[in-house]
Amino acid sequence: MTRWVALAAADVPIPAGTVGGPDLPGSVGGLGATWDSVGERAPEGAAEAVALQPVGARQVPLDGRRLKRTLLLSVHPGTPDETVRRFEADVMAMPDHITTIRSWALSRVATPGSVWTHVWEQEFADVAGLTGEYLMHPYHWTYVDRWFDGEMPGSIVAPKLAHVFRWADGPVL
């Protein structure tokens, strides 16, 4: 079975066996709704769906409703494998420094022809955990943002991103 992340218009009904919902204000680069599913095929009705090949993950207990954040990104073609592995290690070290990150998963995209190469997912107790400590943390700014900033030597991430987040009633990751 394969985990999938799908982007869809907010008015498209969520298919059976899929969890998702509308993207919240502040989301960028999505289509209005984000879905998560497990199955042999992409969920029907999605405008874009990517199969996930896990790189690393951790599940942390969190009762009840939570914020599910998904970042779809693309590493520039031709980036050396060792550089990609260093980038992945820096991303996966974030939860060791940023306490508001609960469960998380980093995956490579296994969908041929996708514009995306990686999906970085997290669960937070609330929106403030994402927009506050996560986005403003010194580790984020010094170790992770350098991979994204096109003005920094060594930047490897293309500027087109989908940074989307929504409410989930229970665990997704």
N, C-alpha and C. Protein backbone atom coordinates (compact mmCIF):
# COMPACT_ATOMS: atom_id res chain seq x y z
N MET A 1 0.83 -1.18 0.00
CA MET A 1 0.00 0.00 0.00
C MET A 1 0.88 1.25 0.00
N THR A 2 0.40 2.27 -0.62
CA THR A 2 1.14 3.51 -0.78
C THR A 2 0.40 4.65 -0.09
N ARG A 3 1.14 5.51 0.59
CA ARG A 3 0.56 6.75 1.10
C ARG A 3 0.55 7.77 -0.02
N TRP A 4 -0.51 8.55 -0.10
CA TRP A 4 -0.69 9.57 -1.11
C TRP A 4 -1.03 10.91 -0.46
N VAL A 5 -0.54 11.98 -1.05
CA VAL A 5 -0.99 13.33 -0.73
C VAL A 5 -1.57 13.88 -2.01
N ALA A 6 -2.75 14.47 -1.91
CA ALA A 6 -3.43 14.98 -3.10
C ALA A 6 -3.86 16.43 -2.88
N LEU A 7 -3.78 17.18 -3.95
CA LEU A 7 -4.28 18.55 -3.97
C LEU A 7 -5.53 18.56 -4.82
N ALA A 8 -6.55 19.24 -4.34
CA ALA A 8 -7.83 19.30 -5.05
C ALA A 8 -8.46 20.67 -4.82
N ALA A 9 -9.43 20.97 -5.65
CA ALA A 9 -10.22 22.18 -5.43
C ALA A 9 -11.07 21.98 -4.17
N ALA A 10 -11.32 23.05 -3.46
CA ALA A 10 -12.05 22.96 -2.19
C ALA A 10 -13.46 22.43 -2.36
N ASP A 11 -14.07 22.56 -3.55
CA ASP A 11 -15.45 22.12 -3.74
C ASP A 11 -15.57 20.68 -4.24
N VAL A 12 -14.44 19.98 -4.40
CA VAL A 12 -14.48 18.58 -4.85
C VAL A 12 -14.73 17.69 -3.64
N PRO A 13 -15.71 16.80 -3.70
CA PRO A 13 -15.99 15.92 -2.55
C PRO A 13 -14.81 15.02 -2.23
N ILE A 14 -14.58 14.81 -0.95
CA ILE A 14 -13.49 13.94 -0.50
C ILE A 14 -13.91 12.50 -0.74
N PRO A 15 -13.09 11.73 -1.50
CA PRO A 15 -13.47 10.34 -1.79
C PRO A 15 -13.46 9.46 -0.54
N ALA A 16 -14.24 8.39 -0.58
CA ALA A 16 -14.25 7.42 0.51
C ALA A 16 -12.84 6.89 0.73
N GLY A 17 -12.46 6.66 1.97
CA GLY A 17 -11.15 6.13 2.30
C GLY A 17 -10.06 7.20 2.33
N THR A 18 -10.45 8.44 2.17
CA THR A 18 -9.52 9.56 2.13
C THR A 18 -9.89 10.53 3.24
N VAL A 19 -8.90 11.09 3.91
CA VAL A 19 -9.15 12.14 4.89
C VAL A 19 -8.60 13.44 4.32
N GLY A 20 -9.27 14.52 4.61
CA GLY A 20 -8.79 15.80 4.10
C GLY A 20 -9.76 16.89 4.41
N GLY A 21 -9.46 18.03 3.84
CA GLY A 21 -10.34 19.16 4.05
C GLY A 21 -9.78 20.40 3.41
N PRO A 22 -10.50 21.50 3.58
CA PRO A 22 -10.07 22.75 2.96
C PRO A 22 -8.78 23.29 3.58
N ASP A 23 -7.95 23.85 2.73
CA ASP A 23 -6.74 24.51 3.22
C ASP A 23 -7.13 25.78 3.96
N LEU A 24 -6.43 26.07 5.03
CA LEU A 24 -6.72 27.23 5.85
C LEU A 24 -6.07 28.49 5.27
N PRO A 25 -6.60 29.66 5.63
CA PRO A 25 -5.96 30.91 5.21
C PRO A 25 -4.49 30.92 5.62
N GLY A 26 -3.65 31.40 4.74
CA GLY A 26 -2.20 31.37 4.96
C GLY A 26 -1.53 30.28 4.16
N SER A 27 -2.32 29.31 3.67
CA SER A 27 -1.78 28.28 2.78
C SER A 27 -1.39 28.95 1.46
N VAL A 28 -0.33 28.42 0.83
CA VAL A 28 0.17 28.99 -0.41
C VAL A 28 0.49 27.86 -1.38
N GLY A 29 0.09 28.05 -2.63
CA GLY A 29 0.49 27.11 -3.68
C GLY A 29 -0.38 25.88 -3.82
N GLY A 30 -1.41 25.76 -3.03
CA GLY A 30 -2.32 24.63 -3.14
C GLY A 30 -3.47 24.94 -4.09
N LEU A 31 -4.47 24.09 -4.06
CA LEU A 31 -5.62 24.26 -4.94
C LEU A 31 -6.92 24.50 -4.17
N GLY A 32 -6.82 24.52 -2.84
CA GLY A 32 -8.00 24.77 -2.02
C GLY A 32 -8.28 23.70 -0.99
N ALA A 33 -7.84 22.47 -1.26
CA ALA A 33 -8.04 21.37 -0.31
C ALA A 33 -6.87 20.39 -0.42
N THR A 34 -6.60 19.70 0.66
CA THR A 34 -5.53 18.70 0.69
C THR A 34 -6.11 17.42 1.26
N TRP A 35 -5.78 16.31 0.62
CA TRP A 35 -6.26 15.00 1.05
C TRP A 35 -5.07 14.09 1.35
N ASP A 36 -5.28 13.14 2.24
CA ASP A 36 -4.30 12.10 2.56
C ASP A 36 -5.00 10.76 2.44
N SER A 37 -4.33 9.79 1.83
CA SER A 37 -4.93 8.47 1.70
C SER A 37 -3.86 7.40 1.63
N VAL A 38 -4.29 6.17 1.80
CA VAL A 38 -3.44 4.99 1.65
C VAL A 38 -4.16 4.06 0.70
N GLY A 39 -3.48 3.60 -0.33
CA GLY A 39 -4.10 2.70 -1.28
C GLY A 39 -3.18 2.39 -2.44
N GLU A 40 -3.68 1.59 -3.34
CA GLU A 40 -2.90 1.20 -4.51
C GLU A 40 -2.86 2.29 -5.58
N ARG A 41 -3.90 3.16 -5.56
CA ARG A 41 -4.01 4.22 -6.57
C ARG A 41 -4.24 5.57 -5.91
N ALA A 42 -3.98 6.59 -6.68
CA ALA A 42 -4.26 7.96 -6.23
C ALA A 42 -5.75 8.12 -6.00
N PRO A 43 -6.14 8.95 -5.05
CA PRO A 43 -7.57 9.18 -4.83
C PRO A 43 -8.22 9.84 -6.04
N GLU A 44 -9.40 9.36 -6.39
CA GLU A 44 -10.12 9.91 -7.54
C GLU A 44 -10.61 11.32 -7.24
N GLY A 45 -10.56 12.17 -8.25
CA GLY A 45 -11.04 13.53 -8.12
C GLY A 45 -9.96 14.54 -7.79
N ALA A 46 -8.77 14.06 -7.44
CA ALA A 46 -7.68 14.98 -7.14
C ALA A 46 -7.15 15.60 -8.42
N ALA A 47 -6.82 16.87 -8.37
CA ALA A 47 -6.18 17.52 -9.51
C ALA A 47 -4.73 17.09 -9.63
N GLU A 48 -4.13 16.82 -8.48
CA GLU A 48 -2.74 16.39 -8.44
C GLU A 48 -2.55 15.49 -7.24
N ALA A 49 -1.94 14.33 -7.44
CA ALA A 49 -1.67 13.41 -6.33
C ALA A 49 -0.26 12.86 -6.47
N VAL A 50 0.42 12.72 -5.35
CA VAL A 50 1.78 12.17 -5.37
C VAL A 50 1.87 10.98 -4.43
N ALA A 51 2.53 9.94 -4.91
CA ALA A 51 2.83 8.77 -4.10
C ALA A 51 4.07 9.07 -3.27
N LEU A 52 4.06 8.64 -2.02
CA LEU A 52 5.14 8.96 -1.11
C LEU A 52 6.04 7.76 -0.84
N GLN A 53 7.34 8.00 -0.93
CA GLN A 53 8.35 7.00 -0.58
C GLN A 53 9.03 7.52 0.69
N PRO A 54 8.76 6.90 1.85
CA PRO A 54 9.25 7.44 3.12
C PRO A 54 10.77 7.52 3.20
N VAL A 55 11.24 8.62 3.76
CA VAL A 55 12.65 8.81 4.09
C VAL A 55 12.81 8.67 5.60
N GLY A 56 11.89 9.28 6.35
CA GLY A 56 11.91 9.20 7.81
C GLY A 56 10.58 9.69 8.36
N ALA A 57 10.25 9.24 9.57
CA ALA A 57 8.99 9.66 10.19
C ALA A 57 9.05 9.37 11.68
N ARG A 58 8.17 10.08 12.40
CA ARG A 58 8.01 9.80 13.83
C ARG A 58 6.57 10.14 14.20
N GLN A 59 5.95 9.24 14.96
CA GLN A 59 4.60 9.47 15.45
C GLN A 59 4.69 9.86 16.93
N VAL A 60 4.00 10.94 17.27
CA VAL A 60 3.97 11.43 18.64
C VAL A 60 2.50 11.52 19.05
N PRO A 61 2.14 10.94 20.19
CA PRO A 61 0.73 11.01 20.61
C PRO A 61 0.24 12.44 20.73
N LEU A 62 -0.96 12.66 20.21
CA LEU A 62 -1.63 13.96 20.31
C LEU A 62 -3.12 13.66 20.25
N ASP A 63 -3.82 13.93 21.31
CA ASP A 63 -5.25 13.65 21.35
C ASP A 63 -6.04 14.68 20.56
N GLY A 64 -7.08 14.19 19.90
CA GLY A 64 -8.05 15.07 19.27
C GLY A 64 -7.59 15.78 18.02
N ARG A 65 -8.25 16.88 17.78
CA ARG A 65 -8.03 17.69 16.59
C ARG A 65 -6.61 18.23 16.55
N ARG A 66 -6.09 18.33 15.34
CA ARG A 66 -4.74 18.85 15.18
C ARG A 66 -4.63 19.52 13.82
N LEU A 67 -3.56 20.29 13.65
CA LEU A 67 -3.27 20.93 12.37
C LEU A 67 -2.35 20.02 11.58
N LYS A 68 -2.72 19.73 10.34
CA LYS A 68 -1.89 18.91 9.43
C LYS A 68 -1.29 19.86 8.40
N ARG A 69 0.02 19.96 8.39
CA ARG A 69 0.72 20.82 7.45
C ARG A 69 1.43 19.95 6.44
N THR A 70 1.38 20.34 5.16
CA THR A 70 2.05 19.63 4.08
C THR A 70 2.84 20.64 3.26
N LEU A 71 4.10 20.34 3.03
CA LEU A 71 4.94 21.16 2.16
C LEU A 71 5.41 20.28 1.01
N LEU A 72 4.99 20.65 -0.21
CA LEU A 72 5.49 19.97 -1.40
C LEU A 72 6.56 20.86 -2.00
N LEU A 73 7.70 20.27 -2.33
CA LEU A 73 8.84 21.05 -2.83
C LEU A 73 9.59 20.26 -3.89
N SER A 74 10.46 20.96 -4.60
CA SER A 74 11.26 20.32 -5.65
C SER A 74 12.72 20.70 -5.47
N VAL A 75 13.57 19.70 -5.39
CA VAL A 75 15.01 19.90 -5.40
C VAL A 75 15.41 20.05 -6.87
N HIS A 76 16.32 21.00 -7.13
CA HIS A 76 16.76 21.22 -8.50
C HIS A 76 17.33 19.94 -9.12
N PRO A 77 16.97 19.65 -10.38
CA PRO A 77 17.53 18.48 -11.07
C PRO A 77 19.06 18.57 -11.10
N GLY A 78 19.69 17.43 -10.96
CA GLY A 78 21.15 17.36 -11.00
C GLY A 78 21.83 17.63 -9.68
N THR A 79 21.05 17.90 -8.62
CA THR A 79 21.65 18.09 -7.30
C THR A 79 22.29 16.77 -6.87
N PRO A 80 23.56 16.81 -6.46
CA PRO A 80 24.24 15.56 -6.06
C PRO A 80 23.49 14.85 -4.93
N ASP A 81 23.48 13.52 -4.99
CA ASP A 81 22.77 12.71 -3.99
C ASP A 81 23.22 13.04 -2.56
N GLU A 82 24.50 13.24 -2.36
CA GLU A 82 25.01 13.54 -1.01
C GLU A 82 24.44 14.87 -0.50
N THR A 83 24.29 15.84 -1.38
CA THR A 83 23.71 17.13 -0.99
C THR A 83 22.24 16.95 -0.63
N VAL A 84 21.52 16.15 -1.41
CA VAL A 84 20.11 15.88 -1.11
C VAL A 84 19.99 15.19 0.25
N ARG A 85 20.86 14.25 0.54
CA ARG A 85 20.83 13.56 1.84
C ARG A 85 21.11 14.53 2.99
N ARG A 86 22.02 15.50 2.81
CA ARG A 86 22.29 16.50 3.86
C ARG A 86 21.06 17.38 4.08
N PHE A 87 20.41 17.78 2.98
CA PHE A 87 19.17 18.56 3.07
C PHE A 87 18.11 17.77 3.84
N GLU A 88 17.92 16.51 3.48
CA GLU A 88 16.93 15.67 4.16
C GLU A 88 17.26 15.53 5.65
N ALA A 89 18.53 15.37 5.99
CA ALA A 89 18.93 15.25 7.40
C ALA A 89 18.63 16.53 8.17
N ASP A 90 18.90 17.69 7.57
CA ASP A 90 18.60 18.96 8.23
C ASP A 90 17.09 19.10 8.47
N VAL A 91 16.28 18.73 7.49
CA VAL A 91 14.83 18.82 7.64
C VAL A 91 14.36 17.88 8.75
N MET A 92 14.84 16.65 8.73
CA MET A 92 14.38 15.67 9.73
C MET A 92 14.89 15.97 11.14
N ALA A 93 15.90 16.84 11.27
CA ALA A 93 16.38 17.23 12.60
C ALA A 93 15.52 18.33 13.22
N MET A 94 14.66 18.96 12.43
CA MET A 94 13.84 20.05 12.96
C MET A 94 13.05 19.68 14.20
N PRO A 95 12.38 18.52 14.24
CA PRO A 95 11.60 18.19 15.44
C PRO A 95 12.44 18.02 16.71
N ASP A 96 13.74 17.80 16.57
CA ASP A 96 14.61 17.73 17.74
C ASP A 96 14.82 19.10 18.37
N HIS A 97 14.53 20.16 17.63
CA HIS A 97 14.75 21.53 18.09
C HIS A 97 13.45 22.31 18.27
N ILE A 98 12.45 21.98 17.46
CA ILE A 98 11.20 22.74 17.44
C ILE A 98 10.12 21.90 18.12
N THR A 99 9.78 22.28 19.34
CA THR A 99 8.93 21.42 20.18
C THR A 99 7.47 21.39 19.73
N THR A 100 7.03 22.33 18.92
CA THR A 100 5.62 22.32 18.51
C THR A 100 5.34 21.30 17.42
N ILE A 101 6.39 20.78 16.78
CA ILE A 101 6.18 19.71 15.80
C ILE A 101 5.86 18.44 16.56
N ARG A 102 4.73 17.84 16.24
CA ARG A 102 4.36 16.57 16.87
C ARG A 102 4.77 15.46 15.89
N SER A 103 3.85 14.70 15.35
CA SER A 103 4.20 13.67 14.37
C SER A 103 4.70 14.36 13.09
N TRP A 104 5.58 13.65 12.38
CA TRP A 104 6.13 14.21 11.14
C TRP A 104 6.55 13.09 10.20
N ALA A 105 6.67 13.44 8.93
CA ALA A 105 7.16 12.50 7.91
C ALA A 105 7.83 13.29 6.79
N LEU A 106 8.95 12.81 6.34
CA LEU A 106 9.61 13.32 5.15
C LEU A 106 9.62 12.20 4.13
N SER A 107 9.17 12.50 2.93
CA SER A 107 9.09 11.49 1.87
C SER A 107 9.65 12.05 0.58
N ARG A 108 10.16 11.15 -0.23
CA ARG A 108 10.47 11.49 -1.62
C ARG A 108 9.22 11.15 -2.43
N VAL A 109 9.01 11.90 -3.49
CA VAL A 109 7.86 11.65 -4.35
C VAL A 109 8.20 10.52 -5.31
N ALA A 110 7.33 9.52 -5.37
CA ALA A 110 7.54 8.34 -6.21
C ALA A 110 6.61 8.33 -7.42
N THR A 111 6.08 9.49 -7.78
CA THR A 111 5.17 9.60 -8.92
C THR A 111 5.96 10.11 -10.12
N PRO A 112 6.16 9.28 -11.14
CA PRO A 112 6.93 9.73 -12.31
C PRO A 112 6.29 10.97 -12.94
N GLY A 113 7.15 11.90 -13.33
CA GLY A 113 6.67 13.11 -14.00
C GLY A 113 6.16 14.20 -13.08
N SER A 114 6.14 13.96 -11.77
CA SER A 114 5.66 14.99 -10.85
C SER A 114 6.63 16.17 -10.83
N VAL A 115 6.10 17.35 -10.63
CA VAL A 115 6.96 18.53 -10.47
C VAL A 115 7.60 18.54 -9.08
N TRP A 116 7.08 17.74 -8.16
CA TRP A 116 7.58 17.71 -6.79
C TRP A 116 8.57 16.57 -6.60
N THR A 117 9.57 16.78 -5.74
CA THR A 117 10.53 15.71 -5.40
C THR A 117 10.38 15.25 -3.96
N HIS A 118 9.88 16.11 -3.08
CA HIS A 118 9.78 15.80 -1.65
C HIS A 118 8.47 16.33 -1.08
N VAL A 119 8.02 15.66 0.00
CA VAL A 119 6.87 16.11 0.78
C VAL A 119 7.27 16.05 2.25
N TRP A 120 7.16 17.20 2.92
CA TRP A 120 7.48 17.34 4.35
C TRP A 120 6.17 17.62 5.07
N GLU A 121 5.77 16.69 5.95
CA GLU A 121 4.47 16.78 6.64
C GLU A 121 4.69 16.82 8.15
N GLN A 122 3.83 17.60 8.81
CA GLN A 122 3.87 17.66 10.26
C GLN A 122 2.45 17.80 10.80
N GLU A 123 2.31 17.44 12.07
CA GLU A 123 1.09 17.70 12.81
C GLU A 123 1.44 18.61 13.98
N PHE A 124 0.57 19.60 14.23
CA PHE A 124 0.74 20.56 15.31
C PHE A 124 -0.54 20.58 16.13
N ALA A 125 -0.44 20.96 17.39
CA ALA A 125 -1.62 21.06 18.24
C ALA A 125 -2.52 22.21 17.80
N ASP A 126 -1.93 23.24 17.21
CA ASP A 126 -2.72 24.41 16.80
C ASP A 126 -1.97 25.20 15.73
N VAL A 127 -2.62 26.21 15.19
CA VAL A 127 -2.03 27.03 14.13
C VAL A 127 -0.80 27.78 14.65
N ALA A 128 -0.85 28.23 15.89
CA ALA A 128 0.27 28.97 16.46
C ALA A 128 1.55 28.14 16.50
N GLY A 129 1.42 26.82 16.65
CA GLY A 129 2.61 25.96 16.63
C GLY A 129 3.34 26.01 15.31
N LEU A 130 2.58 26.16 14.22
CA LEU A 130 3.17 26.28 12.87
C LEU A 130 3.64 27.71 12.61
N THR A 131 2.76 28.68 12.78
CA THR A 131 3.07 30.05 12.38
C THR A 131 3.97 30.76 13.39
N GLY A 132 4.06 30.23 14.59
CA GLY A 132 4.91 30.83 15.61
C GLY A 132 6.25 30.13 15.70
N GLU A 133 6.37 29.21 16.65
CA GLU A 133 7.67 28.58 16.92
C GLU A 133 8.29 27.94 15.67
N TYR A 134 7.50 27.20 14.90
CA TYR A 134 8.06 26.50 13.74
C TYR A 134 8.69 27.47 12.74
N LEU A 135 7.90 28.40 12.25
CA LEU A 135 8.40 29.30 11.20
C LEU A 135 9.41 30.31 11.71
N MET A 136 9.40 30.61 12.99
CA MET A 136 10.30 31.63 13.53
C MET A 136 11.51 31.06 14.28
N HIS A 137 11.63 29.75 14.37
CA HIS A 137 12.69 29.13 15.16
C HIS A 137 14.06 29.34 14.53
N PRO A 138 15.09 29.61 15.34
CA PRO A 138 16.44 29.80 14.79
C PRO A 138 16.96 28.60 13.99
N TYR A 139 16.60 27.38 14.41
CA TYR A 139 17.05 26.21 13.63
C TYR A 139 16.46 26.27 12.22
N HIS A 140 15.20 26.61 12.12
CA HIS A 140 14.55 26.72 10.81
C HIS A 140 15.27 27.74 9.95
N TRP A 141 15.56 28.90 10.52
CA TRP A 141 16.18 29.98 9.75
C TRP A 141 17.64 29.69 9.39
N THR A 142 18.39 29.02 10.25
CA THR A 142 19.82 28.82 9.98
C THR A 142 20.15 27.53 9.25
N TYR A 143 19.46 26.44 9.56
CA TYR A 143 19.80 25.16 8.96
C TYR A 143 18.92 24.76 7.79
N VAL A 144 17.68 25.19 7.78
CA VAL A 144 16.75 24.71 6.76
C VAL A 144 16.50 25.76 5.68
N ASP A 145 16.24 26.99 6.05
CA ASP A 145 15.92 28.01 5.05
C ASP A 145 17.04 28.23 4.04
N ARG A 146 18.27 27.99 4.41
CA ARG A 146 19.38 28.19 3.46
C ARG A 146 19.25 27.30 2.24
N TRP A 147 18.61 26.14 2.38
CA TRP A 147 18.39 25.25 1.24
C TRP A 147 17.36 25.82 0.26
N PHE A 148 16.49 26.73 0.76
CA PHE A 148 15.37 27.28 -0.02
C PHE A 148 15.68 28.67 -0.60
N ASP A 149 16.60 29.39 -0.01
CA ASP A 149 16.86 30.78 -0.37
C ASP A 149 17.77 30.86 -1.60
N GLY A 150 17.19 31.22 -2.74
CA GLY A 150 17.93 31.28 -4.00
C GLY A 150 19.11 32.24 -3.99
N GLU A 151 19.18 33.13 -3.02
CA GLU A 151 20.31 34.06 -2.92
C GLU A 151 21.45 33.50 -2.08
N MET A 152 21.26 32.32 -1.51
CA MET A 152 22.29 31.69 -0.69
C MET A 152 23.08 30.69 -1.52
N PRO A 153 24.41 30.70 -1.40
CA PRO A 153 25.19 29.65 -2.06
C PRO A 153 24.76 28.29 -1.52
N GLY A 154 24.60 27.32 -2.38
CA GLY A 154 24.21 25.98 -1.95
C GLY A 154 22.71 25.75 -1.91
N SER A 155 21.92 26.75 -2.25
CA SER A 155 20.46 26.57 -2.31
C SER A 155 20.13 25.49 -3.35
N ILE A 156 19.22 24.57 -2.99
CA ILE A 156 18.89 23.48 -3.91
C ILE A 156 17.39 23.34 -4.18
N VAL A 157 16.55 24.12 -3.49
CA VAL A 157 15.11 23.97 -3.63
C VAL A 157 14.57 25.03 -4.59
N ALA A 158 13.76 24.58 -5.55
CA ALA A 158 13.13 25.48 -6.51
C ALA A 158 12.15 26.39 -5.78
N PRO A 159 11.93 27.62 -6.30
CA PRO A 159 11.06 28.56 -5.59
C PRO A 159 9.58 28.17 -5.56
N LYS A 160 9.09 27.35 -6.49
CA LYS A 160 7.69 26.95 -6.47
C LYS A 160 7.46 25.94 -5.35
N LEU A 161 6.55 26.28 -4.42
CA LEU A 161 6.22 25.42 -3.28
C LEU A 161 4.71 25.33 -3.13
N ALA A 162 4.27 24.29 -2.48
CA ALA A 162 2.89 24.22 -1.98
C ALA A 162 3.00 24.04 -0.47
N HIS A 163 2.67 25.09 0.27
CA HIS A 163 2.69 25.11 1.73
C HIS A 163 1.23 25.21 2.14
N VAL A 164 0.65 24.06 2.51
CA VAL A 164 -0.78 24.00 2.80
C VAL A 164 -1.00 23.38 4.18
N PHE A 165 -2.05 23.85 4.86
CA PHE A 165 -2.37 23.28 6.15
C PHE A 165 -3.87 23.32 6.36
N ARG A 166 -4.34 22.35 7.13
CA ARG A 166 -5.77 22.17 7.36
C ARG A 166 -5.98 21.49 8.70
N TRP A 167 -7.22 21.50 9.15
CA TRP A 167 -7.55 20.79 10.38
C TRP A 167 -7.76 19.31 10.09
N ALA A 168 -7.37 18.47 11.02
CA ALA A 168 -7.63 17.03 10.96
C ALA A 168 -8.24 16.62 12.31
N ASP A 169 -9.22 15.74 12.27
CA ASP A 169 -9.91 15.32 13.49
C ASP A 169 -9.11 14.33 14.33
N GLY A 170 -8.12 13.69 13.72
CA GLY A 170 -7.30 12.72 14.43
C GLY A 170 -5.99 12.53 13.69
N PRO A 171 -5.19 11.54 14.09
CA PRO A 171 -3.89 11.32 13.49
C PRO A 171 -3.99 11.09 11.97
N VAL A 172 -3.07 11.68 11.24
CA VAL A 172 -2.94 11.47 9.81
C VAL A 172 -1.63 10.75 9.53
N LEU A 173 -0.59 11.11 10.25
CA LEU A 173 0.74 10.53 10.01
C LEU A 173 0.99 9.33 10.91
